[in-house]
Amino acid sequence: MSEFRVVASTDIADAGFLRLSRDEVLGPTGESFTRHVVHHPGAVVVVPVDAGGENTLMVRQYRVAVRRTLLESPAGKTDVDGEPPDVTAQRELEEEIGRRAGRLVPLATCFNSPGFTDELTHIYAGLDLTEIPHARVGPEEAAMTIEQIPLRDVDRLVAAGEIMHATSIIGLLLTRRYLEGEYRVIGS
């Protein structure tokens, strides 16, 4: 198959950590077309698991974009230059739920919605947790609540629309499979 090629990219908006570009693309048969792309620094999601492997800690927080409160695994942007995703993952665990993972197991890396954004998310299981003091930053984090969710309830909560955050769902399902010995992490 012939390749598609971006032949020009023009920034048309900058909104802090997000940037919008208009990209001119040349298709494999020579046709050209335009696409708009939202450039995002990337993200991490961590599924923190208690010592018994039965429960996870999730946060319930308001998300302006969807105008509702969502139940999610701790997550955040990879927006610190040069910071490896696993370091970002530890930072987010500490900031959001006051825990540090003794082990971070990399489960998956995925594009959230490649039809319009380049956002890439790194998903981890956080194991061997220890509690640490923490202070939440920002109005959304200050209002979030922490909830203990049994991993056995994840399917029901997803089916009922209680958990709708896609990368949390991926992380929860892969974490459960990993803990059950059904998911082998590459490189392990």
N, C-alpha and C. Protein backbone atom coordinates (compact mmCIF):
# COMPACT_ATOMS: atom_id res chain seq x y z
N MET A 1 0.85 -1.18 0.00
CA MET A 1 0.00 0.00 0.00
C MET A 1 0.88 1.24 0.00
N SER A 2 0.55 2.19 -0.83
CA SER A 2 1.29 3.45 -0.87
C SER A 2 1.02 4.24 0.40
N GLU A 3 1.91 5.13 0.70
CA GLU A 3 1.84 5.92 1.93
C GLU A 3 1.05 7.22 1.75
N PHE A 4 0.46 7.64 2.82
CA PHE A 4 -0.08 8.99 2.91
C PHE A 4 1.06 9.86 3.43
N ARG A 5 1.09 11.11 3.01
CA ARG A 5 2.15 12.04 3.44
C ARG A 5 1.55 13.37 3.81
N VAL A 6 1.92 13.87 4.99
CA VAL A 6 1.53 15.23 5.37
C VAL A 6 2.54 16.15 4.68
N VAL A 7 2.04 17.00 3.77
CA VAL A 7 2.93 17.86 2.99
C VAL A 7 3.00 19.28 3.54
N ALA A 8 2.05 19.64 4.41
CA ALA A 8 2.08 20.95 5.06
C ALA A 8 1.25 20.89 6.33
N SER A 9 1.71 21.60 7.34
CA SER A 9 0.98 21.66 8.60
C SER A 9 1.05 23.09 9.11
N THR A 10 -0.12 23.68 9.35
CA THR A 10 -0.20 25.07 9.80
C THR A 10 -0.92 25.13 11.14
N ASP A 11 -0.28 25.71 12.13
CA ASP A 11 -0.94 25.90 13.42
C ASP A 11 -2.02 26.96 13.26
N ILE A 12 -3.22 26.65 13.73
CA ILE A 12 -4.31 27.64 13.63
C ILE A 12 -4.84 28.05 15.00
N ALA A 13 -4.45 27.34 16.06
CA ALA A 13 -4.84 27.74 17.41
C ALA A 13 -3.91 27.09 18.42
N ASP A 14 -3.66 27.82 19.50
CA ASP A 14 -2.85 27.32 20.59
C ASP A 14 -3.59 27.61 21.88
N ALA A 15 -3.87 26.56 22.64
CA ALA A 15 -4.64 26.73 23.88
C ALA A 15 -3.88 26.09 25.04
N GLY A 16 -2.72 26.61 25.33
CA GLY A 16 -1.94 26.04 26.42
C GLY A 16 -1.33 24.73 26.03
N PHE A 17 -1.77 23.64 26.66
CA PHE A 17 -1.18 22.34 26.36
C PHE A 17 -1.72 21.73 25.07
N LEU A 18 -2.78 22.32 24.48
CA LEU A 18 -3.34 21.82 23.22
C LEU A 18 -2.99 22.76 22.08
N ARG A 19 -2.81 22.18 20.90
CA ARG A 19 -2.55 22.96 19.70
C ARG A 19 -3.38 22.37 18.58
N LEU A 20 -3.99 23.21 17.75
CA LEU A 20 -4.79 22.77 16.62
C LEU A 20 -4.07 23.13 15.33
N SER A 21 -3.92 22.14 14.44
CA SER A 21 -3.27 22.41 13.16
C SER A 21 -4.18 22.00 12.00
N ARG A 22 -3.94 22.63 10.87
CA ARG A 22 -4.59 22.25 9.62
C ARG A 22 -3.50 21.57 8.79
N ASP A 23 -3.72 20.29 8.50
CA ASP A 23 -2.71 19.50 7.80
C ASP A 23 -3.18 19.18 6.38
N GLU A 24 -2.29 19.45 5.43
CA GLU A 24 -2.54 19.11 4.04
C GLU A 24 -1.88 17.76 3.79
N VAL A 25 -2.68 16.81 3.28
CA VAL A 25 -2.23 15.43 3.13
C VAL A 25 -2.29 15.03 1.66
N LEU A 26 -1.27 14.29 1.25
CA LEU A 26 -1.23 13.74 -0.10
C LEU A 26 -1.50 12.24 0.02
N GLY A 27 -2.55 11.77 -0.64
CA GLY A 27 -2.94 10.36 -0.57
C GLY A 27 -2.14 9.49 -1.51
N PRO A 28 -2.31 8.18 -1.40
CA PRO A 28 -1.52 7.23 -2.19
C PRO A 28 -1.76 7.32 -3.69
N THR A 29 -2.92 7.82 -4.11
CA THR A 29 -3.18 7.95 -5.55
C THR A 29 -2.98 9.36 -6.04
N GLY A 30 -2.39 10.22 -5.19
CA GLY A 30 -2.08 11.58 -5.60
C GLY A 30 -3.11 12.62 -5.21
N GLU A 31 -4.25 12.19 -4.66
CA GLU A 31 -5.25 13.18 -4.25
C GLU A 31 -4.77 13.88 -2.97
N SER A 32 -5.15 15.16 -2.84
CA SER A 32 -4.80 15.89 -1.62
C SER A 32 -6.08 16.23 -0.86
N PHE A 33 -5.95 16.32 0.45
CA PHE A 33 -7.08 16.67 1.29
C PHE A 33 -6.57 17.32 2.56
N THR A 34 -7.47 17.92 3.30
CA THR A 34 -7.14 18.64 4.52
C THR A 34 -7.75 17.94 5.73
N ARG A 35 -7.00 17.89 6.80
CA ARG A 35 -7.50 17.38 8.08
C ARG A 35 -7.08 18.35 9.18
N HIS A 36 -7.90 18.46 10.20
CA HIS A 36 -7.57 19.25 11.37
C HIS A 36 -7.16 18.29 12.48
N VAL A 37 -6.06 18.61 13.16
CA VAL A 37 -5.51 17.72 14.17
C VAL A 37 -5.33 18.47 15.48
N VAL A 38 -5.80 17.87 16.57
CA VAL A 38 -5.55 18.40 17.90
C VAL A 38 -4.30 17.70 18.42
N HIS A 39 -3.27 18.50 18.73
CA HIS A 39 -2.02 17.96 19.25
C HIS A 39 -2.05 18.03 20.78
N HIS A 40 -1.80 16.90 21.40
CA HIS A 40 -1.91 16.75 22.85
C HIS A 40 -0.60 16.16 23.38
N PRO A 41 -0.14 16.56 24.55
CA PRO A 41 1.15 16.06 25.03
C PRO A 41 1.15 14.58 25.43
N GLY A 42 -0.01 13.97 25.52
CA GLY A 42 -0.11 12.57 25.93
C GLY A 42 -0.58 12.47 27.37
N ALA A 43 -0.80 11.23 27.82
CA ALA A 43 -1.35 11.04 29.15
C ALA A 43 -0.91 9.70 29.72
N VAL A 44 -1.17 9.54 31.01
CA VAL A 44 -0.98 8.27 31.70
C VAL A 44 -2.27 7.94 32.44
N VAL A 45 -2.52 6.66 32.62
CA VAL A 45 -3.61 6.16 33.45
C VAL A 45 -3.01 5.06 34.32
N VAL A 46 -3.34 5.08 35.61
CA VAL A 46 -2.83 4.07 36.53
C VAL A 46 -4.01 3.42 37.26
N VAL A 47 -4.03 2.09 37.26
CA VAL A 47 -5.04 1.34 38.01
C VAL A 47 -4.36 0.89 39.30
N PRO A 48 -4.58 1.61 40.41
CA PRO A 48 -3.97 1.22 41.67
C PRO A 48 -4.74 0.06 42.31
N VAL A 49 -4.00 -0.97 42.73
CA VAL A 49 -4.62 -2.18 43.26
C VAL A 49 -4.17 -2.39 44.70
N ASP A 50 -5.13 -2.72 45.58
CA ASP A 50 -4.81 -2.95 46.98
C ASP A 50 -3.96 -4.22 47.15
N ALA A 51 -3.45 -4.42 48.35
CA ALA A 51 -2.54 -5.53 48.63
C ALA A 51 -3.16 -6.89 48.34
N GLY A 52 -4.45 -7.03 48.51
CA GLY A 52 -5.09 -8.32 48.26
C GLY A 52 -5.43 -8.56 46.81
N GLY A 53 -5.26 -7.55 45.98
CA GLY A 53 -5.57 -7.69 44.55
C GLY A 53 -7.06 -7.74 44.25
N GLU A 54 -7.87 -7.33 45.21
CA GLU A 54 -9.33 -7.39 45.05
C GLU A 54 -9.96 -6.07 44.64
N ASN A 55 -9.33 -4.96 45.01
CA ASN A 55 -9.95 -3.64 44.83
C ASN A 55 -9.01 -2.66 44.15
N THR A 56 -9.60 -1.66 43.55
CA THR A 56 -8.85 -0.55 42.99
C THR A 56 -9.38 0.74 43.58
N LEU A 57 -8.56 1.76 43.56
CA LEU A 57 -9.00 3.09 43.97
C LEU A 57 -9.24 3.91 42.72
N MET A 58 -10.41 4.52 42.65
CA MET A 58 -10.77 5.37 41.51
C MET A 58 -11.16 6.74 42.03
N VAL A 59 -11.14 7.71 41.14
CA VAL A 59 -11.55 9.06 41.51
C VAL A 59 -12.83 9.42 40.76
N ARG A 60 -13.66 10.15 41.44
CA ARG A 60 -14.87 10.67 40.81
C ARG A 60 -14.64 12.17 40.69
N GLN A 61 -14.64 12.67 39.44
CA GLN A 61 -14.36 14.08 39.24
C GLN A 61 -15.17 14.65 38.09
N TYR A 62 -15.40 15.95 38.17
CA TYR A 62 -16.17 16.65 37.15
C TYR A 62 -15.29 16.87 35.93
N ARG A 63 -15.85 16.58 34.75
CA ARG A 63 -15.16 16.79 33.48
C ARG A 63 -15.97 17.79 32.66
N VAL A 64 -15.40 18.96 32.47
CA VAL A 64 -16.10 20.04 31.80
C VAL A 64 -16.50 19.66 30.37
N ALA A 65 -15.62 18.97 29.64
CA ALA A 65 -15.89 18.66 28.23
C ALA A 65 -17.17 17.86 28.04
N VAL A 66 -17.48 16.97 28.99
CA VAL A 66 -18.69 16.15 28.86
C VAL A 66 -19.79 16.60 29.82
N ARG A 67 -19.49 17.65 30.59
CA ARG A 67 -20.46 18.27 31.49
C ARG A 67 -21.07 17.29 32.50
N ARG A 68 -20.19 16.43 33.03
CA ARG A 68 -20.66 15.49 34.04
C ARG A 68 -19.49 14.98 34.88
N THR A 69 -19.83 14.33 35.94
CA THR A 69 -18.84 13.73 36.83
C THR A 69 -18.62 12.29 36.38
N LEU A 70 -17.34 11.90 36.28
CA LEU A 70 -16.98 10.57 35.82
C LEU A 70 -16.18 9.82 36.88
N LEU A 71 -16.32 8.51 36.89
CA LEU A 71 -15.52 7.64 37.73
C LEU A 71 -14.35 7.15 36.88
N GLU A 72 -13.13 7.46 37.31
CA GLU A 72 -11.93 7.20 36.52
C GLU A 72 -10.81 6.65 37.38
N SER A 73 -9.89 5.96 36.74
CA SER A 73 -8.62 5.63 37.38
C SER A 73 -7.79 6.90 37.42
N PRO A 74 -6.86 7.03 38.38
CA PRO A 74 -6.00 8.21 38.39
C PRO A 74 -5.31 8.39 37.04
N ALA A 75 -5.26 9.62 36.58
CA ALA A 75 -4.71 9.89 35.25
C ALA A 75 -4.20 11.33 35.18
N GLY A 76 -3.40 11.59 34.17
CA GLY A 76 -2.94 12.95 33.97
C GLY A 76 -2.11 13.08 32.70
N LYS A 77 -1.82 14.32 32.37
CA LYS A 77 -1.07 14.64 31.16
C LYS A 77 0.43 14.38 31.34
N THR A 78 1.07 13.95 30.27
CA THR A 78 2.53 13.84 30.23
C THR A 78 3.06 15.17 29.70
N ASP A 79 2.93 16.19 30.52
CA ASP A 79 3.23 17.55 30.07
C ASP A 79 4.47 18.16 30.70
N VAL A 80 5.30 17.34 31.35
CA VAL A 80 6.56 17.83 31.89
C VAL A 80 7.66 17.37 30.94
N ASP A 81 8.33 18.33 30.30
CA ASP A 81 9.37 17.99 29.32
C ASP A 81 10.39 17.03 29.89
N GLY A 82 10.62 15.94 29.15
CA GLY A 82 11.65 14.98 29.51
C GLY A 82 11.25 14.00 30.61
N GLU A 83 10.06 14.15 31.17
CA GLU A 83 9.64 13.24 32.24
C GLU A 83 9.13 11.94 31.64
N PRO A 84 9.71 10.80 32.00
CA PRO A 84 9.23 9.52 31.48
C PRO A 84 7.80 9.24 31.95
N PRO A 85 7.00 8.53 31.16
CA PRO A 85 5.61 8.27 31.54
C PRO A 85 5.44 7.58 32.89
N ASP A 86 6.37 6.69 33.26
CA ASP A 86 6.23 6.02 34.56
C ASP A 86 6.42 7.00 35.72
N VAL A 87 7.24 8.00 35.54
CA VAL A 87 7.42 9.04 36.57
C VAL A 87 6.14 9.88 36.67
N THR A 88 5.57 10.21 35.51
CA THR A 88 4.30 10.93 35.49
C THR A 88 3.22 10.12 36.19
N ALA A 89 3.20 8.81 35.95
CA ALA A 89 2.21 7.93 36.56
C ALA A 89 2.33 7.97 38.09
N GLN A 90 3.54 7.90 38.61
CA GLN A 90 3.73 7.98 40.06
C GLN A 90 3.25 9.33 40.59
N ARG A 91 3.58 10.40 39.89
CA ARG A 91 3.18 11.74 40.32
C ARG A 91 1.66 11.84 40.39
N GLU A 92 0.97 11.31 39.38
CA GLU A 92 -0.49 11.38 39.36
C GLU A 92 -1.11 10.56 40.50
N LEU A 93 -0.55 9.39 40.78
CA LEU A 93 -1.03 8.59 41.91
C LEU A 93 -0.91 9.38 43.21
N GLU A 94 0.24 10.01 43.39
CA GLU A 94 0.48 10.77 44.61
C GLU A 94 -0.47 11.95 44.72
N GLU A 95 -0.64 12.71 43.62
CA GLU A 95 -1.49 13.90 43.64
C GLU A 95 -2.96 13.56 43.81
N GLU A 96 -3.43 12.51 43.14
CA GLU A 96 -4.86 12.24 43.12
C GLU A 96 -5.36 11.37 44.26
N ILE A 97 -4.56 10.36 44.66
CA ILE A 97 -5.07 9.45 45.70
C ILE A 97 -4.13 9.29 46.89
N GLY A 98 -3.00 10.01 46.90
CA GLY A 98 -2.09 9.91 48.04
C GLY A 98 -1.47 8.54 48.21
N ARG A 99 -1.10 7.91 47.11
CA ARG A 99 -0.46 6.59 47.15
C ARG A 99 0.77 6.61 46.25
N ARG A 100 1.72 5.75 46.59
CA ARG A 100 2.89 5.53 45.76
C ARG A 100 2.92 4.04 45.44
N ALA A 101 3.19 3.71 44.19
CA ALA A 101 3.25 2.31 43.77
C ALA A 101 4.67 1.79 43.94
N GLY A 102 4.81 0.64 44.61
CA GLY A 102 6.11 -0.02 44.68
C GLY A 102 6.49 -0.60 43.34
N ARG A 103 5.45 -0.96 42.55
CA ARG A 103 5.67 -1.47 41.20
C ARG A 103 4.63 -0.87 40.27
N LEU A 104 5.11 -0.41 39.13
CA LEU A 104 4.22 0.02 38.04
C LEU A 104 4.39 -0.98 36.91
N VAL A 105 3.30 -1.63 36.53
CA VAL A 105 3.34 -2.63 35.46
C VAL A 105 2.77 -1.98 34.20
N PRO A 106 3.59 -1.81 33.15
CA PRO A 106 3.07 -1.24 31.91
C PRO A 106 2.16 -2.24 31.21
N LEU A 107 0.90 -1.83 30.97
CA LEU A 107 -0.08 -2.74 30.38
C LEU A 107 -0.34 -2.49 28.90
N ALA A 108 -0.39 -1.21 28.52
CA ALA A 108 -0.72 -0.88 27.12
C ALA A 108 -0.38 0.57 26.86
N THR A 109 -0.23 0.87 25.60
CA THR A 109 -0.11 2.24 25.12
C THR A 109 -1.09 2.36 23.97
N CYS A 110 -1.93 3.39 24.01
CA CYS A 110 -2.96 3.49 22.97
C CYS A 110 -3.22 4.94 22.57
N PHE A 111 -3.66 5.11 21.32
CA PHE A 111 -4.14 6.40 20.85
C PHE A 111 -5.60 6.52 21.26
N ASN A 112 -5.95 7.60 21.92
CA ASN A 112 -7.32 7.76 22.44
C ASN A 112 -8.36 7.91 21.35
N SER A 113 -8.13 8.78 20.41
CA SER A 113 -9.09 9.03 19.34
C SER A 113 -8.34 9.53 18.11
N PRO A 114 -7.64 8.62 17.39
CA PRO A 114 -6.73 9.03 16.32
C PRO A 114 -7.41 9.64 15.10
N GLY A 115 -8.72 9.71 15.10
CA GLY A 115 -9.41 10.37 14.00
C GLY A 115 -9.22 11.88 14.03
N PHE A 116 -8.85 12.43 15.21
CA PHE A 116 -8.66 13.88 15.27
C PHE A 116 -7.55 14.34 16.22
N THR A 117 -6.99 13.44 17.02
CA THR A 117 -5.94 13.86 17.95
C THR A 117 -4.80 12.86 18.00
N ASP A 118 -3.61 13.36 18.32
CA ASP A 118 -2.44 12.50 18.45
C ASP A 118 -2.19 12.08 19.89
N GLU A 119 -3.15 12.30 20.78
CA GLU A 119 -2.98 11.95 22.19
C GLU A 119 -2.67 10.46 22.34
N LEU A 120 -1.57 10.19 23.03
CA LEU A 120 -1.10 8.83 23.27
C LEU A 120 -1.13 8.60 24.78
N THR A 121 -1.77 7.52 25.22
CA THR A 121 -1.91 7.24 26.65
C THR A 121 -1.17 5.96 27.02
N HIS A 122 -0.40 6.05 28.11
CA HIS A 122 0.34 4.93 28.68
C HIS A 122 -0.47 4.43 29.87
N ILE A 123 -0.78 3.14 29.88
CA ILE A 123 -1.64 2.57 30.92
C ILE A 123 -0.83 1.60 31.78
N TYR A 124 -0.95 1.78 33.10
CA TYR A 124 -0.20 0.98 34.07
C TYR A 124 -1.12 0.38 35.12
N ALA A 125 -0.68 -0.73 35.70
CA ALA A 125 -1.24 -1.22 36.96
C ALA A 125 -0.28 -0.74 38.04
N GLY A 126 -0.82 -0.19 39.11
CA GLY A 126 0.00 0.25 40.25
C GLY A 126 -0.15 -0.75 41.38
N LEU A 127 0.94 -1.42 41.73
CA LEU A 127 0.91 -2.47 42.74
C LEU A 127 1.80 -2.10 43.93
N ASP A 128 1.62 -2.81 45.03
CA ASP A 128 2.42 -2.59 46.25
C ASP A 128 2.32 -1.12 46.69
N LEU A 129 1.11 -0.68 46.92
CA LEU A 129 0.84 0.72 47.24
C LEU A 129 1.21 1.06 48.68
N THR A 130 1.74 2.26 48.85
CA THR A 130 1.93 2.81 50.19
C THR A 130 1.26 4.17 50.23
N GLU A 131 0.69 4.48 51.38
CA GLU A 131 -0.01 5.77 51.54
C GLU A 131 1.01 6.84 51.86
N ILE A 132 0.82 8.01 51.25
CA ILE A 132 1.70 9.15 51.49
C ILE A 132 0.83 10.40 51.69
N PRO A 133 1.37 11.42 52.35
CA PRO A 133 0.60 12.67 52.46
C PRO A 133 0.53 13.33 51.07
N HIS A 134 -0.59 13.96 50.78
CA HIS A 134 -0.70 14.62 49.49
C HIS A 134 -1.61 15.83 49.59
N ALA A 135 -1.38 16.74 48.67
CA ALA A 135 -2.22 17.93 48.56
C ALA A 135 -2.70 18.01 47.13
N ARG A 136 -3.98 18.12 46.95
CA ARG A 136 -4.53 18.20 45.60
C ARG A 136 -4.29 19.60 45.03
N VAL A 137 -4.14 19.63 43.71
CA VAL A 137 -3.87 20.88 43.02
C VAL A 137 -5.05 21.21 42.11
N GLY A 138 -5.52 22.44 42.12
CA GLY A 138 -6.57 22.87 41.21
C GLY A 138 -7.97 22.59 41.72
N PRO A 139 -8.95 23.32 41.18
CA PRO A 139 -10.34 23.21 41.66
C PRO A 139 -10.99 21.87 41.37
N GLU A 140 -10.68 21.25 40.23
CA GLU A 140 -11.29 19.95 39.91
C GLU A 140 -10.75 18.87 40.83
N GLU A 141 -9.42 18.84 41.03
CA GLU A 141 -8.84 17.83 41.90
C GLU A 141 -9.25 18.03 43.35
N ALA A 142 -9.39 19.28 43.77
CA ALA A 142 -9.79 19.55 45.16
C ALA A 142 -11.19 19.01 45.44
N ALA A 143 -12.04 18.94 44.43
CA ALA A 143 -13.42 18.47 44.62
C ALA A 143 -13.59 16.98 44.32
N MET A 144 -12.56 16.32 43.82
CA MET A 144 -12.72 14.89 43.48
C MET A 144 -12.80 14.05 44.75
N THR A 145 -13.48 12.93 44.61
CA THR A 145 -13.55 11.97 45.71
C THR A 145 -12.85 10.69 45.30
N ILE A 146 -12.36 9.95 46.29
CA ILE A 146 -11.68 8.69 46.05
C ILE A 146 -12.63 7.58 46.46
N GLU A 147 -12.79 6.57 45.58
CA GLU A 147 -13.70 5.46 45.86
C GLU A 147 -12.97 4.13 45.66
N GLN A 148 -13.23 3.21 46.59
CA GLN A 148 -12.69 1.85 46.45
C GLN A 148 -13.70 1.03 45.67
N ILE A 149 -13.24 0.43 44.58
CA ILE A 149 -14.12 -0.35 43.69
C ILE A 149 -13.60 -1.78 43.62
N PRO A 150 -14.43 -2.77 43.92
CA PRO A 150 -14.01 -4.16 43.74
C PRO A 150 -13.78 -4.45 42.24
N LEU A 151 -12.66 -5.04 41.91
CA LEU A 151 -12.36 -5.36 40.51
C LEU A 151 -13.42 -6.31 39.92
N ARG A 152 -14.02 -7.15 40.75
CA ARG A 152 -15.05 -8.07 40.26
C ARG A 152 -16.30 -7.33 39.78
N ASP A 153 -16.47 -6.05 40.20
CA ASP A 153 -17.64 -5.27 39.82
C ASP A 153 -17.45 -4.44 38.54
N VAL A 154 -16.25 -4.47 37.98
CA VAL A 154 -15.93 -3.60 36.84
C VAL A 154 -16.86 -3.85 35.65
N ASP A 155 -17.06 -5.11 35.25
CA ASP A 155 -17.92 -5.39 34.09
C ASP A 155 -19.32 -4.81 34.29
N ARG A 156 -19.87 -5.01 35.48
CA ARG A 156 -21.22 -4.51 35.77
C ARG A 156 -21.25 -2.98 35.73
N LEU A 157 -20.23 -2.33 36.29
CA LEU A 157 -20.18 -0.87 36.31
C LEU A 157 -20.01 -0.29 34.91
N VAL A 158 -19.24 -0.96 34.07
CA VAL A 158 -19.08 -0.52 32.68
C VAL A 158 -20.41 -0.68 31.94
N ALA A 159 -21.03 -1.85 32.08
CA ALA A 159 -22.31 -2.12 31.39
C ALA A 159 -23.41 -1.16 31.84
N ALA A 160 -23.37 -0.74 33.09
CA ALA A 160 -24.38 0.17 33.63
C ALA A 160 -24.08 1.63 33.32
N GLY A 161 -22.95 1.90 32.67
CA GLY A 161 -22.59 3.28 32.36
C GLY A 161 -22.03 4.04 33.55
N GLU A 162 -21.65 3.33 34.59
CA GLU A 162 -21.05 3.98 35.77
C GLU A 162 -19.59 4.33 35.51
N ILE A 163 -18.91 3.51 34.71
CA ILE A 163 -17.53 3.80 34.29
C ILE A 163 -17.58 3.98 32.78
N MET A 164 -17.29 5.20 32.33
CA MET A 164 -17.36 5.52 30.90
C MET A 164 -16.04 6.05 30.33
N HIS A 165 -15.03 6.18 31.17
CA HIS A 165 -13.74 6.70 30.75
C HIS A 165 -12.96 5.57 30.07
N ALA A 166 -12.77 5.70 28.75
CA ALA A 166 -12.26 4.60 27.93
C ALA A 166 -10.92 4.04 28.40
N THR A 167 -9.95 4.90 28.66
CA THR A 167 -8.64 4.36 29.04
C THR A 167 -8.67 3.76 30.44
N SER A 168 -9.57 4.21 31.30
CA SER A 168 -9.75 3.55 32.60
C SER A 168 -10.31 2.15 32.38
N ILE A 169 -11.28 2.02 31.49
CA ILE A 169 -11.88 0.70 31.21
C ILE A 169 -10.80 -0.25 30.69
N ILE A 170 -10.00 0.21 29.75
CA ILE A 170 -8.92 -0.63 29.21
C ILE A 170 -7.99 -1.05 30.35
N GLY A 171 -7.59 -0.08 31.16
CA GLY A 171 -6.67 -0.37 32.27
C GLY A 171 -7.26 -1.33 33.28
N LEU A 172 -8.52 -1.13 33.64
CA LEU A 172 -9.17 -2.00 34.62
C LEU A 172 -9.25 -3.44 34.11
N LEU A 173 -9.66 -3.60 32.86
CA LEU A 173 -9.80 -4.95 32.31
C LEU A 173 -8.45 -5.65 32.15
N LEU A 174 -7.44 -4.91 31.70
CA LEU A 174 -6.11 -5.51 31.56
C LEU A 174 -5.48 -5.80 32.92
N THR A 175 -5.70 -4.92 33.89
CA THR A 175 -5.17 -5.16 35.23
C THR A 175 -5.77 -6.43 35.81
N ARG A 176 -7.06 -6.58 35.68
CA ARG A 176 -7.71 -7.78 36.20
C ARG A 176 -7.14 -9.03 35.53
N ARG A 177 -6.98 -8.99 34.22
CA ARG A 177 -6.40 -10.14 33.50
C ARG A 177 -4.96 -10.39 33.93
N TYR A 178 -4.20 -9.32 34.14
CA TYR A 178 -2.81 -9.46 34.60
C TYR A 178 -2.77 -10.14 35.97
N LEU A 179 -3.61 -9.69 36.89
CA LEU A 179 -3.64 -10.26 38.24
C LEU A 179 -4.09 -11.71 38.23
N GLU A 180 -4.93 -12.08 37.25
CA GLU A 180 -5.39 -13.47 37.13
C GLU A 180 -4.41 -14.34 36.36
N GLY A 181 -3.30 -13.75 35.90
CA GLY A 181 -2.29 -14.50 35.16
C GLY A 181 -2.64 -14.74 33.71
N GLU A 182 -3.65 -14.02 33.20
CA GLU A 182 -4.11 -14.23 31.83
C GLU A 182 -3.53 -13.22 30.84
N TYR A 183 -2.75 -12.27 31.33
CA TYR A 183 -2.21 -11.22 30.46
C TYR A 183 -0.73 -11.11 30.75
N ARG A 184 0.07 -11.40 29.76
CA ARG A 184 1.52 -11.33 29.91
C ARG A 184 2.00 -10.00 29.37
N VAL A 185 2.69 -9.27 30.22
CA VAL A 185 3.23 -7.99 29.82
C VAL A 185 4.48 -8.24 29.00
N ILE A 186 4.57 -7.61 27.85
CA ILE A 186 5.73 -7.78 26.97
C ILE A 186 6.99 -7.31 27.70
N GLY A 187 8.01 -8.11 27.61
CA GLY A 187 9.26 -7.79 28.28
C GLY A 187 9.35 -8.39 29.68
N SER A 188 8.29 -9.05 30.14
CA SER A 188 8.36 -9.63 31.49
C SER A 188 8.52 -11.15 31.41
